[in-house]
Amino acid sequence: WDVRPLLWLDLCSILAALATILLLWLAIDRLLGQVMPRGAL
């Protein structure tokens, strides 16, 4: 990892990225794991 101090903008970016990743993960997981199999049935 680069050695540099994290700024407040970095922390905002980290939180936004995590929120986006988690929401995408939940949406994709639900779509592929539950919605599509039920639709196929």
PDB file of all heavy atoms in Angstrom:
ATOM      1  N   TRP A   1       0.835  -1.198   0.000  1.00  0.00           N
ATOM      2  CA  TRP A   1       0.000   0.000   0.000  1.00  0.00           C
ATOM      3  C   TRP A   1       0.870   1.249   0.000  1.00  0.00           C
ATOM      4  O   TRP A   1       1.920   1.290   0.635  1.00  0.00           O
ATOM      5  CB  TRP A   1      -0.893   0.027   1.230  1.00  0.00           C
ATOM      6  CG  TRP A   1      -1.998  -0.993   1.228  1.00  0.00           C
ATOM      7  CD1 TRP A   1      -2.097  -2.101   0.429  1.00  0.00           C
ATOM      8  CD2 TRP A   1      -3.134  -1.011   2.072  1.00  0.00           C
ATOM      9  NE1 TRP A   1      -3.226  -2.797   0.720  1.00  0.00           N
ATOM     10  CE2 TRP A   1      -3.894  -2.149   1.736  1.00  0.00           C
ATOM     11  CE3 TRP A   1      -3.588  -0.184   3.081  1.00  0.00           C
ATOM     12  CZ2 TRP A   1      -5.082  -2.477   2.372  1.00  0.00           C
ATOM     13  CZ3 TRP A   1      -4.782  -0.501   3.722  1.00  0.00           C
ATOM     14  CH2 TRP A   1      -5.522  -1.641   3.361  1.00  0.00           C
ATOM     15  N   ASP A   2       0.411   2.262  -0.741  1.00  0.00           N
ATOM     16  CA  ASP A   2       1.064   3.570  -0.678  1.00  0.00           C
ATOM     17  C   ASP A   2       1.034   4.067   0.763  1.00  0.00           C
ATOM     18  O   ASP A   2       0.107   3.754   1.511  1.00  0.00           O
ATOM     19  CB  ASP A   2       0.318   4.607  -1.530  1.00  0.00           C
ATOM     20  CG  ASP A   2       0.556   4.433  -3.018  1.00  0.00           C
ATOM     21  OD1 ASP A   2       1.579   3.843  -3.391  1.00  0.00           O
ATOM     22  OD2 ASP A   2      -0.297   4.889  -3.795  1.00  0.00           O
ATOM     23  N   VAL A   3       2.038   4.839   1.105  1.00  0.00           N
ATOM     24  CA  VAL A   3       2.059   5.446   2.436  1.00  0.00           C
ATOM     25  C   VAL A   3       1.688   6.907   2.262  1.00  0.00           C
ATOM     26  O   VAL A   3       2.469   7.691   1.720  1.00  0.00           O
ATOM     27  CB  VAL A   3       3.454   5.297   3.086  1.00  0.00           C
ATOM     28  CG1 VAL A   3       3.474   5.956   4.454  1.00  0.00           C
ATOM     29  CG2 VAL A   3       3.847   3.839   3.172  1.00  0.00           C
ATOM     30  N   ARG A   4       0.473   7.205   2.655  1.00  0.00           N
ATOM     31  CA  ARG A   4       0.016   8.593   2.619  1.00  0.00           C
ATOM     32  C   ARG A   4      -1.101   8.727   3.638  1.00  0.00           C
ATOM     33  O   ARG A   4      -1.801   7.760   3.936  1.00  0.00           O
ATOM     34  CB  ARG A   4      -0.472   9.000   1.232  1.00  0.00           C
ATOM     35  CG  ARG A   4      -1.757   8.361   0.790  1.00  0.00           C
ATOM     36  CD  ARG A   4      -2.321   9.093  -0.443  1.00  0.00           C
ATOM     37  NE  ARG A   4      -3.587   8.529  -0.858  1.00  0.00           N
ATOM     38  CZ  ARG A   4      -4.769   8.881  -0.368  1.00  0.00           C
ATOM     39  NH1 ARG A   4      -4.865   9.783   0.589  1.00  0.00           N
ATOM     40  NH2 ARG A   4      -5.877   8.319  -0.809  1.00  0.00           N
ATOM     41  N   PRO A   5      -1.246   9.908   4.185  1.00  0.00           N
ATOM     42  CA  PRO A   5      -2.324  10.085   5.167  1.00  0.00           C
ATOM     43  C   PRO A   5      -3.686  10.062   4.470  1.00  0.00           C
ATOM     44  O   PRO A   5      -3.817  10.506   3.325  1.00  0.00           O
ATOM     45  CB  PRO A   5      -2.036  11.452   5.775  1.00  0.00           C
ATOM     46  CG  PRO A   5      -1.201  12.154   4.762  1.00  0.00           C
ATOM     47  CD  PRO A   5      -0.452  11.098   4.005  1.00  0.00           C
ATOM     48  N   LEU A   6      -4.654   9.504   5.164  1.00  0.00           N
ATOM     49  CA  LEU A   6      -6.018   9.520   4.648  1.00  0.00           C
ATOM     50  C   LEU A   6      -6.671  10.843   5.037  1.00  0.00           C
ATOM     51  O   LEU A   6      -6.581  11.277   6.181  1.00  0.00           O
ATOM     52  CB  LEU A   6      -6.826   8.351   5.199  1.00  0.00           C
ATOM     53  CG  LEU A   6      -6.414   6.972   4.696  1.00  0.00           C
ATOM     54  CD1 LEU A   6      -7.194   5.895   5.422  1.00  0.00           C
ATOM     55  CD2 LEU A   6      -6.617   6.853   3.199  1.00  0.00           C
ATOM     56  N   LEU A   7      -7.300  11.477   4.078  1.00  0.00           N
ATOM     57  CA  LEU A   7      -7.978  12.746   4.293  1.00  0.00           C
ATOM     58  C   LEU A   7      -9.456  12.485   4.570  1.00  0.00           C
ATOM     59  O   LEU A   7      -9.955  11.378   4.343  1.00  0.00           O
ATOM     60  CB  LEU A   7      -7.806  13.645   3.068  1.00  0.00           C
ATOM     61  CG  LEU A   7      -6.353  13.865   2.607  1.00  0.00           C
ATOM     62  CD1 LEU A   7      -6.322  14.610   1.289  1.00  0.00           C
ATOM     63  CD2 LEU A   7      -5.585  14.614   3.692  1.00  0.00           C
ATOM     64  N   TRP A   8     -10.159  13.514   4.999  1.00  0.00           N
ATOM     65  CA  TRP A   8     -11.591  13.349   5.262  1.00  0.00           C
ATOM     66  C   TRP A   8     -12.331  12.959   3.984  1.00  0.00           C
ATOM     67  O   TRP A   8     -13.286  12.194   4.020  1.00  0.00           O
ATOM     68  CB  TRP A   8     -12.185  14.613   5.891  1.00  0.00           C
ATOM     69  CG  TRP A   8     -12.252  15.789   4.949  1.00  0.00           C
ATOM     70  CD1 TRP A   8     -11.299  16.734   4.750  1.00  0.00           C
ATOM     71  CD2 TRP A   8     -13.330  16.098   4.067  1.00  0.00           C
ATOM     72  NE1 TRP A   8     -11.702  17.620   3.782  1.00  0.00           N
ATOM     73  CE2 TRP A   8     -12.963  17.253   3.352  1.00  0.00           C
ATOM     74  CE3 TRP A   8     -14.564  15.526   3.805  1.00  0.00           C
ATOM     75  CZ2 TRP A   8     -13.781  17.830   2.406  1.00  0.00           C
ATOM     76  CZ3 TRP A   8     -15.385  16.103   2.853  1.00  0.00           C
ATOM     77  CH2 TRP A   8     -14.995  17.246   2.173  1.00  0.00           C
ATOM     78  N   LEU A   9     -11.864  13.454   2.840  1.00  0.00           N
ATOM     79  CA  LEU A   9     -12.492  13.091   1.579  1.00  0.00           C
ATOM     80  C   LEU A   9     -12.281  11.605   1.265  1.00  0.00           C
ATOM     81  O   LEU A   9     -13.165  10.951   0.721  1.00  0.00           O
ATOM     82  CB  LEU A   9     -11.941  13.966   0.450  1.00  0.00           C
ATOM     83  CG  LEU A   9     -12.644  13.855  -0.901  1.00  0.00           C
ATOM     84  CD1 LEU A   9     -14.125  14.171  -0.772  1.00  0.00           C
ATOM     85  CD2 LEU A   9     -11.995  14.770  -1.914  1.00  0.00           C
ATOM     86  N   ASP A  10     -11.122  11.066   1.643  1.00  0.00           N
ATOM     87  CA  ASP A  10     -10.876   9.632   1.491  1.00  0.00           C
ATOM     88  C   ASP A  10     -11.875   8.832   2.318  1.00  0.00           C
ATOM     89  O   ASP A  10     -12.431   7.830   1.848  1.00  0.00           O
ATOM     90  CB  ASP A  10      -9.457   9.256   1.946  1.00  0.00           C
ATOM     91  CG  ASP A  10      -8.376   9.782   1.021  1.00  0.00           C
ATOM     92  OD1 ASP A  10      -8.562   9.723  -0.209  1.00  0.00           O
ATOM     93  OD2 ASP A  10      -7.348  10.248   1.537  1.00  0.00           O
ATOM     94  N   LEU A  11     -12.084   9.279   3.550  1.00  0.00           N
ATOM     95  CA  LEU A  11     -13.015   8.559   4.423  1.00  0.00           C
ATOM     96  C   LEU A  11     -14.438   8.595   3.869  1.00  0.00           C
ATOM     97  O   LEU A  11     -15.149   7.592   3.910  1.00  0.00           O
ATOM     98  CB  LEU A  11     -12.954   9.126   5.843  1.00  0.00           C
ATOM     99  CG  LEU A  11     -11.595   8.999   6.525  1.00  0.00           C
ATOM    100  CD1 LEU A  11     -11.613   9.652   7.896  1.00  0.00           C
ATOM    101  CD2 LEU A  11     -11.167   7.548   6.621  1.00  0.00           C
ATOM    102  N   CYS A  12     -14.830   9.732   3.313  1.00  0.00           N
ATOM    103  CA  CYS A  12     -16.153   9.823   2.664  1.00  0.00           C
ATOM    104  C   CYS A  12     -16.229   8.886   1.469  1.00  0.00           C
ATOM    105  O   CYS A  12     -17.245   8.207   1.258  1.00  0.00           O
ATOM    106  CB  CYS A  12     -16.434  11.265   2.225  1.00  0.00           C
ATOM    107  SG  CYS A  12     -16.644  12.419   3.593  1.00  0.00           S
ATOM    108  N   SER A  13     -15.158   8.839   0.691  1.00  0.00           N
ATOM    109  CA  SER A  13     -15.111   7.952  -0.478  1.00  0.00           C
ATOM    110  C   SER A  13     -15.170   6.488  -0.058  1.00  0.00           C
ATOM    111  O   SER A  13     -15.841   5.677  -0.698  1.00  0.00           O
ATOM    112  CB  SER A  13     -13.843   8.205  -1.287  1.00  0.00           C
ATOM    113  OG  SER A  13     -13.816   9.521  -1.770  1.00  0.00           O
ATOM    114  N   ILE A  14     -14.460   6.148   1.007  1.00  0.00           N
ATOM    115  CA  ILE A  14     -14.458   4.770   1.508  1.00  0.00           C
ATOM    116  C   ILE A  14     -15.865   4.364   1.934  1.00  0.00           C
ATOM    117  O   ILE A  14     -16.352   3.289   1.567  1.00  0.00           O
ATOM    118  CB  ILE A  14     -13.450   4.607   2.665  1.00  0.00           C
ATOM    119  CG1 ILE A  14     -12.020   4.717   2.130  1.00  0.00           C
ATOM    120  CG2 ILE A  14     -13.648   3.287   3.394  1.00  0.00           C
ATOM    121  CD1 ILE A  14     -10.965   4.887   3.211  1.00  0.00           C
ATOM    122  N   LEU A  15     -16.527   5.223   2.698  1.00  0.00           N
ATOM    123  CA  LEU A  15     -17.887   4.915   3.154  1.00  0.00           C
ATOM    124  C   LEU A  15     -18.855   4.801   1.982  1.00  0.00           C
ATOM    125  O   LEU A  15     -19.694   3.894   1.948  1.00  0.00           O
ATOM    126  CB  LEU A  15     -18.372   5.972   4.150  1.00  0.00           C
ATOM    127  CG  LEU A  15     -17.675   5.963   5.508  1.00  0.00           C
ATOM    128  CD1 LEU A  15     -18.149   7.138   6.363  1.00  0.00           C
ATOM    129  CD2 LEU A  15     -17.921   4.637   6.218  1.00  0.00           C
ATOM    130  N   ALA A  16     -18.750   5.704   1.011  1.00  0.00           N
ATOM    131  CA  ALA A  16     -19.625   5.653  -0.162  1.00  0.00           C
ATOM    132  C   ALA A  16     -19.372   4.383  -0.974  1.00  0.00           C
ATOM    133  O   ALA A  16     -20.319   3.724  -1.426  1.00  0.00           O
ATOM    134  CB  ALA A  16     -19.420   6.890  -1.026  1.00  0.00           C
ATOM    135  N   ALA A  17     -18.102   4.031  -1.143  1.00  0.00           N
ATOM    136  CA  ALA A  17     -17.769   2.817  -1.893  1.00  0.00           C
ATOM    137  C   ALA A  17     -18.290   1.579  -1.178  1.00  0.00           C
ATOM    138  O   ALA A  17     -18.861   0.672  -1.812  1.00  0.00           O
ATOM    139  CB  ALA A  17     -16.257   2.720  -2.102  1.00  0.00           C
ATOM    140  N   LEU A  18     -18.122   1.523   0.130  1.00  0.00           N
ATOM    141  CA  LEU A  18     -18.616   0.368   0.892  1.00  0.00           C
ATOM    142  C   LEU A  18     -20.129   0.252   0.811  1.00  0.00           C
ATOM    143  O   LEU A  18     -20.666  -0.843   0.624  1.00  0.00           O
ATOM    144  CB  LEU A  18     -18.187   0.473   2.353  1.00  0.00           C
ATOM    145  CG  LEU A  18     -16.795   0.005   2.653  1.00  0.00           C
ATOM    146  CD1 LEU A  18     -16.445   0.258   4.109  1.00  0.00           C
ATOM    147  CD2 LEU A  18     -16.638  -1.462   2.322  1.00  0.00           C
ATOM    148  N   ALA A  19     -20.813   1.372   0.966  1.00  0.00           N
ATOM    149  CA  ALA A  19     -22.277   1.348   0.872  1.00  0.00           C
ATOM    150  C   ALA A  19     -22.710   0.854  -0.506  1.00  0.00           C
ATOM    151  O   ALA A  19     -23.618   0.019  -0.626  1.00  0.00           O
ATOM    152  CB  ALA A  19     -22.849   2.734   1.152  1.00  0.00           C
ATOM    153  N   THR A  20     -22.055   1.339  -1.536  1.00  0.00           N
ATOM    154  CA  THR A  20     -22.385   0.918  -2.902  1.00  0.00           C
ATOM    155  C   THR A  20     -22.111  -0.569  -3.100  1.00  0.00           C
ATOM    156  O   THR A  20     -22.947  -1.300  -3.648  1.00  0.00           O
ATOM    157  CB  THR A  20     -21.581   1.745  -3.922  1.00  0.00           C
ATOM    158  OG1 THR A  20     -21.870   3.132  -3.721  1.00  0.00           O
ATOM    159  CG2 THR A  20     -21.909   1.343  -5.344  1.00  0.00           C
ATOM    160  N   ILE A  21     -20.956  -1.036  -2.648  1.00  0.00           N
ATOM    161  CA  ILE A  21     -20.599  -2.453  -2.788  1.00  0.00           C
ATOM    162  C   ILE A  21     -21.605  -3.332  -2.059  1.00  0.00           C
ATOM    163  O   ILE A  21     -22.081  -4.331  -2.613  1.00  0.00           O
ATOM    164  CB  ILE A  21     -19.164  -2.702  -2.267  1.00  0.00           C
ATOM    165  CG1 ILE A  21     -18.144  -2.093  -3.223  1.00  0.00           C
ATOM    166  CG2 ILE A  21     -18.890  -4.194  -2.058  1.00  0.00           C
ATOM    167  CD1 ILE A  21     -16.728  -2.017  -2.656  1.00  0.00           C
ATOM    168  N   LEU A  22     -21.928  -2.974  -0.832  1.00  0.00           N
ATOM    169  CA  LEU A  22     -22.852  -3.800  -0.050  1.00  0.00           C
ATOM    170  C   LEU A  22     -24.247  -3.813  -0.660  1.00  0.00           C
ATOM    171  O   LEU A  22     -24.885  -4.867  -0.733  1.00  0.00           O
ATOM    172  CB  LEU A  22     -22.885  -3.335   1.397  1.00  0.00           C
ATOM    173  CG  LEU A  22     -21.589  -3.562   2.176  1.00  0.00           C
ATOM    174  CD1 LEU A  22     -21.683  -2.971   3.584  1.00  0.00           C
ATOM    175  CD2 LEU A  22     -21.227  -5.031   2.246  1.00  0.00           C
ATOM    176  N   LEU A  23     -24.720  -2.670  -1.113  1.00  0.00           N
ATOM    177  CA  LEU A  23     -26.040  -2.626  -1.746  1.00  0.00           C
ATOM    178  C   LEU A  23     -26.060  -3.416  -3.057  1.00  0.00           C
ATOM    179  O   LEU A  23     -27.018  -4.146  -3.349  1.00  0.00           O
ATOM    180  CB  LEU A  23     -26.486  -1.185  -1.969  1.00  0.00           C
ATOM    181  CG  LEU A  23     -26.851  -0.421  -0.699  1.00  0.00           C
ATOM    182  CD1 LEU A  23     -27.114   1.052  -1.010  1.00  0.00           C
ATOM    183  CD2 LEU A  23     -28.054  -1.047  -0.007  1.00  0.00           C
ATOM    184  N   LEU A  24     -25.005  -3.267  -3.856  1.00  0.00           N
ATOM    185  CA  LEU A  24     -24.923  -4.059  -5.098  1.00  0.00           C
ATOM    186  C   LEU A  24     -24.853  -5.552  -4.795  1.00  0.00           C
ATOM    187  O   LEU A  24     -25.501  -6.369  -5.458  1.00  0.00           O
ATOM    188  CB  LEU A  24     -23.710  -3.642  -5.922  1.00  0.00           C
ATOM    189  CG  LEU A  24     -23.880  -2.413  -6.788  1.00  0.00           C
ATOM    190  CD1 LEU A  24     -22.542  -2.003  -7.399  1.00  0.00           C
ATOM    191  CD2 LEU A  24     -24.904  -2.671  -7.883  1.00  0.00           C
ATOM    192  N   TRP A  25     -24.053  -5.909  -3.784  1.00  0.00           N
ATOM    193  CA  TRP A  25     -23.932  -7.321  -3.407  1.00  0.00           C
ATOM    194  C   TRP A  25     -25.301  -7.887  -3.028  1.00  0.00           C
ATOM    195  O   TRP A  25     -25.698  -8.951  -3.497  1.00  0.00           O
ATOM    196  CB  TRP A  25     -22.959  -7.472  -2.239  1.00  0.00           C
ATOM    197  CG  TRP A  25     -22.924  -8.864  -1.710  1.00  0.00           C
ATOM    198  CD1 TRP A  25     -23.606  -9.361  -0.643  1.00  0.00           C
ATOM    199  CD2 TRP A  25     -22.204  -9.976  -2.257  1.00  0.00           C
ATOM    200  NE1 TRP A  25     -23.340 -10.686  -0.485  1.00  0.00           N
ATOM    201  CE2 TRP A  25     -22.490 -11.090  -1.463  1.00  0.00           C
ATOM    202  CE3 TRP A  25     -21.343 -10.104  -3.343  1.00  0.00           C
ATOM    203  CZ2 TRP A  25     -21.942 -12.344  -1.711  1.00  0.00           C
ATOM    204  CZ3 TRP A  25     -20.800 -11.360  -3.596  1.00  0.00           C
ATOM    205  CH2 TRP A  25     -21.104 -12.458  -2.790  1.00  0.00           C
ATOM    206  N   LEU A  26     -26.017  -7.173  -2.171  1.00  0.00           N
ATOM    207  CA  LEU A  26     -27.331  -7.649  -1.733  1.00  0.00           C
ATOM    208  C   LEU A  26     -28.313  -7.743  -2.896  1.00  0.00           C
ATOM    209  O   LEU A  26     -29.071  -8.710  -3.001  1.00  0.00           O
ATOM    210  CB  LEU A  26     -27.881  -6.735  -0.631  1.00  0.00           C
ATOM    211  CG  LEU A  26     -27.121  -6.776   0.695  1.00  0.00           C
ATOM    212  CD1 LEU A  26     -27.625  -5.691   1.637  1.00  0.00           C
ATOM    213  CD2 LEU A  26     -27.217  -8.150   1.336  1.00  0.00           C
ATOM    214  N   ALA A  27     -28.296  -6.764  -3.779  1.00  0.00           N
ATOM    215  CA  ALA A  27     -29.213  -6.765  -4.913  1.00  0.00           C
ATOM    216  C   ALA A  27     -28.900  -7.903  -5.885  1.00  0.00           C
ATOM    217  O   ALA A  27     -29.799  -8.633  -6.314  1.00  0.00           O
ATOM    218  CB  ALA A  27     -29.160  -5.416  -5.641  1.00  0.00           C
ATOM    219  N   ILE A  28     -27.636  -8.069  -6.229  1.00  0.00           N
ATOM    220  CA  ILE A  28     -27.247  -9.134  -7.164  1.00  0.00           C
ATOM    221  C   ILE A  28     -27.492 -10.498  -6.552  1.00  0.00           C
ATOM    222  O   ILE A  28     -28.014 -11.403  -7.205  1.00  0.00           O
ATOM    223  CB  ILE A  28     -25.773  -8.959  -7.600  1.00  0.00           C
ATOM    224  CG1 ILE A  28     -25.635  -7.715  -8.465  1.00  0.00           C
ATOM    225  CG2 ILE A  28     -25.262 -10.192  -8.330  1.00  0.00           C
ATOM    226  CD1 ILE A  28     -24.202  -7.279  -8.725  1.00  0.00           C
ATOM    227  N   ASP A  29     -27.139 -10.646  -5.283  1.00  0.00           N
ATOM    228  CA  ASP A  29     -27.348 -11.918  -4.599  1.00  0.00           C
ATOM    229  C   ASP A  29     -28.834 -12.264  -4.556  1.00  0.00           C
ATOM    230  O   ASP A  29     -29.227 -13.408  -4.800  1.00  0.00           O
ATOM    231  CB  ASP A  29     -26.770 -11.845  -3.188  1.00  0.00           C
ATOM    232  CG  ASP A  29     -26.824 -13.170  -2.479  1.00  0.00           C
ATOM    233  OD1 ASP A  29     -26.157 -14.119  -2.949  1.00  0.00           O
ATOM    234  OD2 ASP A  29     -27.537 -13.275  -1.462  1.00  0.00           O
ATOM    235  N   ARG A  30     -29.657 -11.306  -4.262  1.00  0.00           N
ATOM    236  CA  ARG A  30     -31.109 -11.551  -4.215  1.00  0.00           C
ATOM    237  C   ARG A  30     -31.638 -11.882  -5.611  1.00  0.00           C
ATOM    238  O   ARG A  30     -32.431 -12.804  -5.765  1.00  0.00           O
ATOM    239  CB  ARG A  30     -31.811 -10.325  -3.659  1.00  0.00           C
ATOM    240  CG  ARG A  30     -33.305 -10.464  -3.665  1.00  0.00           C
ATOM    241  CD  ARG A  30     -33.864 -10.135  -2.329  1.00  0.00           C
ATOM    242  NE  ARG A  30     -35.304 -10.171  -2.400  1.00  0.00           N
ATOM    243  CZ  ARG A  30     -36.009 -10.855  -1.543  1.00  0.00           C
ATOM    244  NH1 ARG A  30     -35.427 -11.512  -0.587  1.00  0.00           N
ATOM    245  NH2 ARG A  30     -37.309 -10.854  -1.622  1.00  0.00           N
ATOM    246  N   LEU A  31     -31.206 -11.145  -6.604  1.00  0.00           N
ATOM    247  CA  LEU A  31     -31.667 -11.379  -7.968  1.00  0.00           C
ATOM    248  C   LEU A  31     -31.276 -12.770  -8.449  1.00  0.00           C
ATOM    249  O   LEU A  31     -32.118 -13.534  -8.921  1.00  0.00           O
ATOM    250  CB  LEU A  31     -31.093 -10.317  -8.915  1.00  0.00           C
ATOM    251  CG  LEU A  31     -31.425 -10.511 -10.394  1.00  0.00           C
ATOM    252  CD1 LEU A  31     -32.916 -10.316 -10.631  1.00  0.00           C
ATOM    253  CD2 LEU A  31     -30.629  -9.541 -11.242  1.00  0.00           C
ATOM    254  N   LEU A  32     -29.998 -13.107  -8.334  1.00  0.00           N
ATOM    255  CA  LEU A  32     -29.527 -14.394  -8.855  1.00  0.00           C
ATOM    256  C   LEU A  32     -29.892 -15.567  -7.950  1.00  0.00           C
ATOM    257  O   LEU A  32     -30.086 -16.685  -8.430  1.00  0.00           O
ATOM    258  CB  LEU A  32     -28.012 -14.352  -9.068  1.00  0.00           C
ATOM    259  CG  LEU A  32     -27.533 -13.381 -10.130  1.00  0.00           C
ATOM    260  CD1 LEU A  32     -26.011 -13.344 -10.180  1.00  0.00           C
ATOM    261  CD2 LEU A  32     -28.092 -13.737 -11.494  1.00  0.00           C
ATOM    262  N   GLY A  33     -29.983 -15.327  -6.650  1.00  0.00           N
ATOM    263  CA  GLY A  33     -30.220 -16.414  -5.718  1.00  0.00           C
ATOM    264  C   GLY A  33     -31.672 -16.697  -5.424  1.00  0.00           C
ATOM    265  O   GLY A  33     -32.020 -17.804  -5.041  1.00  0.00           O
ATOM    266  N   GLN A  34     -32.544 -15.709  -5.612  1.00  0.00           N
ATOM    267  CA  GLN A  34     -33.936 -15.910  -5.235  1.00  0.00           C
ATOM    268  C   GLN A  34     -34.914 -15.576  -6.357  1.00  0.00           C
ATOM    269  O   GLN A  34     -35.786 -16.375  -6.672  1.00  0.00           O
ATOM    270  CB  GLN A  34     -34.271 -15.068  -4.003  1.00  0.00           C
ATOM    271  CG  GLN A  34     -33.494 -15.512  -2.778  1.00  0.00           C
ATOM    272  CD  GLN A  34     -33.726 -14.585  -1.600  1.00  0.00           C
ATOM    273  OE1 GLN A  34     -34.312 -13.517  -1.717  1.00  0.00           O
ATOM    274  NE2 GLN A  34     -33.252 -14.987  -0.438  1.00  0.00           N
ATOM    275  N   VAL A  35     -34.773 -14.419  -6.953  1.00  0.00           N
ATOM    276  CA  VAL A  35     -35.760 -13.974  -7.938  1.00  0.00           C
ATOM    277  C   VAL A  35     -35.698 -14.818  -9.210  1.00  0.00           C
ATOM    278  O   VAL A  35     -36.721 -15.322  -9.676  1.00  0.00           O
ATOM    279  CB  VAL A  35     -35.571 -12.469  -8.258  1.00  0.00           C
ATOM    280  CG1 VAL A  35     -36.497 -12.031  -9.380  1.00  0.00           C
ATOM    281  CG2 VAL A  35     -35.799 -11.641  -7.000  1.00  0.00           C
ATOM    282  N   MET A  36     -34.506 -14.987  -9.788  1.00  0.00           N
ATOM    283  CA  MET A  36     -34.404 -15.734 -11.043  1.00  0.00           C
ATOM    284  C   MET A  36     -34.815 -17.201 -10.888  1.00  0.00           C
ATOM    285  O   MET A  36     -35.550 -17.708 -11.729  1.00  0.00           O
ATOM    286  CB  MET A  36     -33.005 -15.585 -11.634  1.00  0.00           C
ATOM    287  CG  MET A  36     -32.779 -14.192 -12.205  1.00  0.00           C
ATOM    288  SD  MET A  36     -31.191 -13.985 -13.009  1.00  0.00           S
ATOM    289  CE  MET A  36     -31.314 -15.129 -14.346  1.00  0.00           C
ATOM    290  N   PRO A  37     -34.389 -17.916  -9.829  1.00  0.00           N
ATOM    291  CA  PRO A  37     -34.848 -19.304  -9.690  1.00  0.00           C
ATOM    292  C   PRO A  37     -36.364 -19.406  -9.547  1.00  0.00           C
ATOM    293  O   PRO A  37     -36.984 -20.302 -10.113  1.00  0.00           O
ATOM    294  CB  PRO A  37     -34.138 -19.799  -8.428  1.00  0.00           C
ATOM    295  CG  PRO A  37     -32.923 -18.952  -8.323  1.00  0.00           C
ATOM    296  CD  PRO A  37     -33.349 -17.606  -8.856  1.00  0.00           C
ATOM    297  N   ARG A  38     -36.973 -18.485  -8.812  1.00  0.00           N
ATOM    298  CA  ARG A  38     -38.439 -18.515  -8.668  1.00  0.00           C
ATOM    299  C   ARG A  38     -39.119 -18.205  -9.989  1.00  0.00           C
ATOM    300  O   ARG A  38     -40.139 -18.789 -10.331  1.00  0.00           O
ATOM    301  CB  ARG A  38     -38.878 -17.536  -7.588  1.00  0.00           C
ATOM    302  CG  ARG A  38     -38.518 -18.019  -6.209  1.00  0.00           C
ATOM    303  CD  ARG A  38     -39.027 -17.099  -5.139  1.00  0.00           C
ATOM    304  NE  ARG A  38     -38.533 -17.538  -3.852  1.00  0.00           N
ATOM    305  CZ  ARG A  38     -38.240 -16.758  -2.857  1.00  0.00           C
ATOM    306  NH1 ARG A  38     -38.406 -15.451  -2.971  1.00  0.00           N
ATOM    307  NH2 ARG A  38     -37.794 -17.230  -1.725  1.00  0.00           N
ATOM    308  N   GLY A  39     -38.540 -17.264 -10.738  1.00  0.00           N
ATOM    309  CA  GLY A  39     -39.093 -16.947 -12.053  1.00  0.00           C
ATOM    310  C   GLY A  39     -39.014 -18.141 -12.987  1.00  0.00           C
ATOM    311  O   GLY A  39     -39.952 -18.407 -13.758  1.00  0.00           O
ATOM    312  N   ALA A  40     -37.914 -18.881 -12.926  1.00  0.00           N
ATOM    313  CA  ALA A  40     -37.776 -20.085 -13.763  1.00  0.00           C
ATOM    314  C   ALA A  40     -38.804 -21.131 -13.375  1.00  0.00           C
ATOM    315  O   ALA A  40     -39.366 -21.812 -14.239  1.00  0.00           O
ATOM    316  CB  ALA A  40     -36.366 -20.637 -13.644  1.00  0.00           C
ATOM    317  N   LEU A  41     -39.086 -21.265 -12.071  1.00  0.00           N
ATOM    318  CA  LEU A  41     -40.100 -22.225 -11.629  1.00  0.00           C
ATOM    319  C   LEU A  41     -41.472 -21.834 -12.142  1.00  0.00           C
ATOM    320  O   LEU A  41     -42.245 -22.675 -12.580  1.00  0.00           O
ATOM    321  CB  LEU A  41     -40.109 -22.317 -10.099  1.00  0.00           C
ATOM    322  CG  LEU A  41     -38.962 -23.056  -9.448  1.00  0.00           C
ATOM    323  CD1 LEU A  41     -39.048 -22.930  -7.915  1.00  0.00           C
ATOM    324  CD2 LEU A  41     -38.986 -24.522  -9.841  1.00  0.00           C
TER     325      LEU A  41
END
